[in-house]
C-alpha atoms as a PDB file:
ATOM      1  CA  MET A   1      -6.969  -9.684  27.601  1.00  0.00           C
ATOM      2  CA  ILE A   2      -8.383  -6.529  28.629  1.00  0.00           C
ATOM      3  CA  VAL A   3     -10.609  -5.527  24.789  1.00  0.00           C
ATOM      4  CA  VAL A   4     -11.960  -1.840  25.249  1.00  0.00           C
ATOM      5  CA  SER A   5     -13.158   1.339  22.608  1.00  0.00           C
ATOM      6  CA  MET A   6     -11.304   3.692  24.154  1.00  0.00           C
ATOM      7  CA  ASN A   7      -7.690   4.978  22.640  1.00  0.00           C
ATOM      8  CA  ASP A   8      -5.683   4.554  26.138  1.00  0.00           C
ATOM      9  CA  ILE A   9      -6.815   2.146  29.612  1.00  0.00           C
ATOM     10  CA  PRO A  10      -7.211   4.322  32.737  1.00  0.00           C
ATOM     11  CA  GLY A  11      -4.330   3.430  34.949  1.00  0.00           C
ATOM     12  CA  HIS A  12      -1.693   1.630  31.945  1.00  0.00           C
ATOM     13  CA  ARG A  13       0.342   2.976  29.563  1.00  0.00           C
ATOM     14  CA  VAL A  14       0.971   1.122  26.466  1.00  0.00           C
ATOM     15  CA  VAL A  15       4.549   0.151  26.358  1.00  0.00           C
ATOM     16  CA  GLN A  16       4.378  -1.763  23.380  1.00  0.00           C
ATOM     17  CA  VAL A  17       2.121  -1.066  19.699  1.00  0.00           C
ATOM     18  CA  LEU A  18       1.812  -5.443  17.724  1.00  0.00           C
ATOM     19  CA  GLY A  19      -0.735  -3.976  15.083  1.00  0.00           C
ATOM     20  CA  ILE A  20      -4.008  -4.228  13.899  1.00  0.00           C
ATOM     21  CA  ALA A  21      -6.041  -7.756  15.336  1.00  0.00           C
ATOM     22  CA  ARG A  22      -8.922  -8.870  13.402  1.00  0.00           C
ATOM     23  CA  GLY A  23     -11.465 -11.598  13.470  1.00  0.00           C
ATOM     24  CA  LEU A  24     -14.010 -12.345  11.206  1.00  0.00           C
ATOM     25  CA  SER A  25     -17.031 -14.058  10.937  1.00  0.00           C
ATOM     26  CA  VAL A  26     -19.020 -14.753   8.002  1.00  0.00           C
ATOM     27  CA  ARG A  27     -22.838 -16.299   9.145  1.00  0.00           C
ATOM     28  CA  SER A  28     -26.252 -16.984   7.201  1.00  0.00           C
ATOM     29  CA  ARG A  29     -29.427 -18.482   8.383  1.00  0.00           C
ATOM     30  CA  SER A  30     -30.911 -21.808   7.020  1.00  0.00           C
ATOM     31  CA  VAL A  31     -33.503 -21.589   4.745  1.00  0.00           C
ATOM     32  CA  VAL A  32     -35.729 -22.768   8.144  1.00  0.00           C
ATOM     33  CA  GLY A  33     -34.354 -19.712   9.679  1.00  0.00           C
ATOM     34  CA  ASN A  34     -35.140 -17.907   6.644  1.00  0.00           C
ATOM     35  CA  ILE A  35     -39.203 -18.994   6.837  1.00  0.00           C
ATOM     36  CA  GLY A  36     -38.940 -18.387  10.722  1.00  0.00           C
ATOM     37  CA  ALA A  37     -37.332 -14.923  10.210  1.00  0.00           C
ATOM     38  CA  ALA A  38     -40.127 -14.388   7.523  1.00  0.00           C
ATOM     39  CA  ILE A  39     -43.261 -15.371  10.203  1.00  0.00           C
ATOM     40  CA  GLN A  40     -42.086 -12.465  12.170  1.00  0.00           C
ATOM     41  CA  ILE A  41     -41.313  -9.922  10.015  1.00  0.00           C
ATOM     42  CA  LEU A  42     -44.982  -9.952   9.056  1.00  0.00           C
ATOM     43  CA  PHE A  43     -45.893  -9.815  13.457  1.00  0.00           C
ATOM     44  CA  GLY A  44     -42.895  -6.796  13.711  1.00  0.00           C
ATOM     45  CA  GLY A  45     -41.469  -6.707  15.881  1.00  0.00           C
ATOM     46  CA  ASN A  46     -38.047  -7.696  17.384  1.00  0.00           C
ATOM     47  CA  ILE A  47     -36.747 -10.779  14.496  1.00  0.00           C
ATOM     48  CA  THR A  48     -35.476 -12.760  17.130  1.00  0.00           C
ATOM     49  CA  LEU A  49     -33.970 -15.149  14.862  1.00  0.00           C
ATOM     50  CA  TYR A  50     -31.681 -12.255  12.973  1.00  0.00           C
ATOM     51  CA  THR A  51     -30.817 -11.131  16.690  1.00  0.00           C
ATOM     52  CA  ARG A  52     -29.225 -14.602  17.516  1.00  0.00           C
ATOM     53  CA  LEU A  53     -27.635 -14.904  14.443  1.00  0.00           C
ATOM     54  CA  ALA A  54     -25.927 -11.352  14.802  1.00  0.00           C
ATOM     55  CA  GLU A  55     -24.869 -11.433  18.340  1.00  0.00           C
ATOM     56  CA  GLN A  56     -23.605 -14.721  17.179  1.00  0.00           C
ATOM     57  CA  ALA A  57     -21.431 -13.857  14.388  1.00  0.00           C
ATOM     58  CA  ARG A  58     -19.773 -10.507  16.319  1.00  0.00           C
ATOM     59  CA  GLN A  59     -19.459 -13.128  19.891  1.00  0.00           C
ATOM     60  CA  GLU A  60     -17.299 -15.373  17.385  1.00  0.00           C
ATOM     61  CA  ALA A  61     -15.539 -12.353  15.523  1.00  0.00           C
ATOM     62  CA  PHE A  62     -15.022 -11.327  19.325  1.00  0.00           C
ATOM     63  CA  GLU A  63     -13.542 -13.958  19.832  1.00  0.00           C
ATOM     64  CA  LEU A  64     -11.699 -14.802  16.987  1.00  0.00           C
ATOM     65  CA  LEU A  65      -9.931 -10.631  17.452  1.00  0.00           C
ATOM     66  CA  VAL A  66      -9.131 -11.742  21.127  1.00  0.00           C
ATOM     67  CA  ALA A  67      -7.290 -15.043  19.720  1.00  0.00           C
ATOM     68  CA  GLN A  68      -5.000 -13.396  17.501  1.00  0.00           C
ATOM     69  CA  ALA A  69      -3.933 -10.385  19.767  1.00  0.00           C
ATOM     70  CA  GLU A  70      -2.742 -12.852  21.967  1.00  0.00           C
ATOM     71  CA  ARG A  71      -0.553 -14.809  19.574  1.00  0.00           C
ATOM     72  CA  MET A  72       0.458 -11.610  18.802  1.00  0.00           C
ATOM     73  CA  GLY A  73       1.947 -11.069  22.173  1.00  0.00           C
ATOM     74  CA  ALA A  74      -0.523  -8.773  22.956  1.00  0.00           C
ATOM     75  CA  ASN A  75      -2.442  -8.519  26.559  1.00  0.00           C
ATOM     76  CA  ALA A  76      -5.029  -5.870  25.651  1.00  0.00           C
ATOM     77  CA  ILE A  77      -6.587  -4.444  22.571  1.00  0.00           C
ATOM     78  CA  ILE A  78      -7.714  -0.805  22.494  1.00  0.00           C
ATOM     79  CA  ALA A  79     -10.105   0.621  19.667  1.00  0.00           C
ATOM     80  CA  MET A  80     -11.902  -1.757  19.148  1.00  0.00           C
ATOM     81  CA  ARG A  81     -14.986  -2.007  16.717  1.00  0.00           C
ATOM     82  CA  TYR A  82     -17.515  -3.796  15.538  1.00  0.00           C
ATOM     83  CA  ASP A  83     -17.895  -3.604  11.297  1.00  0.00           C
ATOM     84  CA  ALA A  84     -20.625  -5.975   9.425  1.00  0.00           C
ATOM     85  CA  ASN A  85     -21.382  -6.157   6.221  1.00  0.00           C
ATOM     86  CA  GLU A  86     -24.142  -8.070   3.574  1.00  0.00           C
ATOM     87  CA  MET A  87     -22.393 -10.080   1.657  1.00  0.00           C
ATOM     88  CA  ALA A  88     -25.552 -11.654  -0.407  1.00  0.00           C
ATOM     89  CA  SER A  89     -29.406 -12.438   0.626  1.00  0.00           C
ATOM     90  CA  ALA A  90     -29.393 -13.489   4.224  1.00  0.00           C
ATOM     91  CA  VAL A  91     -25.520 -13.574   4.670  1.00  0.00           C
ATOM     92  CA  THR A  92     -23.268 -11.089   7.183  1.00  0.00           C
ATOM     93  CA  GLU A  93     -19.789 -10.318   7.725  1.00  0.00           C
ATOM     94  CA  VAL A  94     -18.576  -9.288  10.798  1.00  0.00           C
ATOM     95  CA  LEU A  95     -15.694  -8.077  11.331  1.00  0.00           C
ATOM     96  CA  ALA A  96     -14.230  -7.242  14.672  1.00  0.00           C
ATOM     97  CA  TYR A  97     -11.090  -5.233  15.009  1.00  0.00           C
ATOM     98  CA  GLY A  98      -8.723  -2.836  17.632  1.00  0.00           C
ATOM     99  CA  THR A  99      -4.957  -2.402  17.920  1.00  0.00           C
ATOM    100  CA  ALA A 100      -3.479  -5.123  20.011  1.00  0.00           C
ATOM    101  CA  VAL A 101      -0.926  -3.260  22.535  1.00  0.00           C
ATOM    102  CA  VAL A 102       1.234  -4.383  25.191  1.00  0.00           C
ATOM    103  CA  ILE A 103       0.641  -2.703  28.336  1.00  0.00           C
ATOM    104  CA  GLU A 104       1.464  -2.168  31.757  1.00  0.00           C
ATOM    105  CA  ARG A 105       0.202   0.052  34.914  1.00  0.00           C
ATOM    106  CA  GLY A 106       1.530   3.052  35.305  1.00  0.00           C
END
Protein backbone atom coordinates (compact mmCIF):
# COMPACT_ATOMS: atom_id res chain seq x y z
CA MET A 1 0.00 0.00 0.00
CA ILE A 2 1.38 3.37 -1.02
CA VAL A 3 0.16 6.24 1.18
CA VAL A 4 0.97 9.83 0.28
CA SER A 5 -0.19 13.26 1.38
CA MET A 6 0.07 14.49 -2.23
CA ASN A 7 -2.79 14.41 -4.71
CA ASP A 8 -0.86 12.19 -7.10
CA ILE A 9 1.95 9.66 -7.07
CA PRO A 10 4.85 10.36 -9.41
CA GLY A 11 5.30 7.58 -11.96
CA HIS A 12 1.76 6.24 -11.40
CA ARG A 13 -1.68 7.07 -12.63
CA VAL A 14 -4.98 6.69 -10.84
CA VAL A 15 -7.17 4.23 -12.72
CA GLN A 16 -10.01 4.07 -10.20
CA VAL A 17 -11.17 6.24 -7.31
CA LEU A 18 -12.84 4.11 -4.64
CA GLY A 19 -13.79 6.90 -2.23
CA ILE A 20 -12.83 8.20 1.16
CA ALA A 21 -11.19 5.78 3.57
CA ARG A 22 -10.70 6.57 7.23
CA GLY A 23 -9.37 5.24 10.50
CA LEU A 24 -10.45 6.56 13.88
CA SER A 25 -8.75 6.16 17.25
CA VAL A 26 -10.00 7.55 20.54
CA ARG A 27 -7.54 7.34 23.41
CA SER A 28 -7.16 8.53 26.96
CA ARG A 29 -4.47 8.47 29.61
CA SER A 30 -4.96 6.55 32.80
CA VAL A 31 -5.21 8.41 36.10
CA VAL A 32 -1.61 7.40 36.82
CA GLY A 33 -0.55 8.67 33.39
CA ASN A 34 -2.28 11.99 33.99
CA ILE A 35 -0.51 12.38 37.33
CA GLY A 36 2.82 11.62 35.65
CA ALA A 37 2.08 14.16 32.93
CA ALA A 38 1.09 16.75 35.53
CA ILE A 39 4.49 16.29 37.19
CA GLN A 40 6.21 16.74 33.80
CA ILE A 41 4.16 19.91 33.20
CA LEU A 42 5.57 21.41 36.41
CA PHE A 43 9.09 21.18 34.98
CA GLY A 44 8.18 22.26 31.43
CA GLY A 45 9.42 20.89 28.14
CA ASN A 46 8.17 17.90 26.19
CA ILE A 47 5.39 16.00 27.97
CA THR A 48 6.57 12.53 26.95
CA LEU A 49 3.53 10.69 28.33
CA TYR A 50 1.20 12.71 26.12
CA THR A 51 3.62 12.49 23.18
CA ARG A 52 3.48 8.68 23.38
CA LEU A 53 -0.32 8.79 23.65
CA ALA A 54 -0.60 11.02 20.59
CA GLU A 55 1.80 8.83 18.58
CA GLN A 56 -0.08 5.65 19.54
CA ALA A 57 -3.39 7.21 18.54
CA ARG A 58 -2.00 8.37 15.18
CA GLN A 59 -0.42 4.99 14.47
CA GLU A 60 -3.64 3.15 15.29
CA ALA A 61 -5.71 5.55 13.15
CA PHE A 62 -3.23 5.12 10.27
CA GLU A 63 -3.38 1.32 10.49
CA LEU A 64 -7.20 1.41 10.51
CA LEU A 65 -7.15 3.72 7.48
CA VAL A 66 -4.92 1.35 5.53
CA ALA A 67 -7.05 -1.66 6.53
CA GLN A 68 -10.25 0.04 5.34
CA ALA A 69 -8.65 1.07 2.04
CA GLU A 70 -7.45 -2.50 1.48
CA ARG A 71 -10.99 -3.82 2.14
CA MET A 72 -12.22 -1.36 -0.48
CA GLY A 73 -9.77 -2.85 -2.99
CA ALA A 74 -7.28 0.03 -3.03
CA ASN A 75 -3.56 -0.30 -3.55
CA ALA A 76 -2.87 3.34 -2.64
CA ILE A 77 -4.20 6.26 -0.62
CA ILE A 78 -3.73 9.81 -1.85
CA ALA A 79 -4.29 13.12 -0.04
CA MET A 80 -3.84 11.42 3.34
CA ARG A 81 -4.40 13.70 6.34
CA TYR A 82 -4.75 13.57 10.11
CA ASP A 83 -7.26 15.45 12.21
CA ALA A 84 -7.34 15.47 16.00
CA ASN A 85 -9.85 16.77 18.52
CA GLU A 86 -10.11 16.71 22.27
CA MET A 87 -13.41 15.03 23.11
CA ALA A 88 -13.16 15.40 26.88
CA SER A 89 -10.45 16.11 29.40
CA ALA A 90 -7.51 13.83 28.48
CA VAL A 91 -9.55 12.05 25.76
CA THR A 92 -8.32 12.60 22.21
CA GLU A 93 -9.84 11.54 18.91
CA VAL A 94 -7.46 11.09 15.97
CA LEU A 95 -8.84 10.63 12.47
CA ALA A 96 -6.66 9.52 9.57
CA TYR A 97 -8.33 9.89 6.18
CA GLY A 98 -7.59 9.98 2.49
CA THR A 99 -8.81 8.93 -0.92
CA ALA A 100 -8.59 5.19 -1.59
CA VAL A 101 -7.50 4.58 -5.18
CA VAL A 102 -6.25 1.93 -7.55
CA ILE A 103 -3.04 2.99 -9.28
CA GLU A 104 -0.81 1.52 -11.92
CA ARG A 105 2.61 2.48 -13.22
CA GLY A 106 2.52 4.87 -16.08
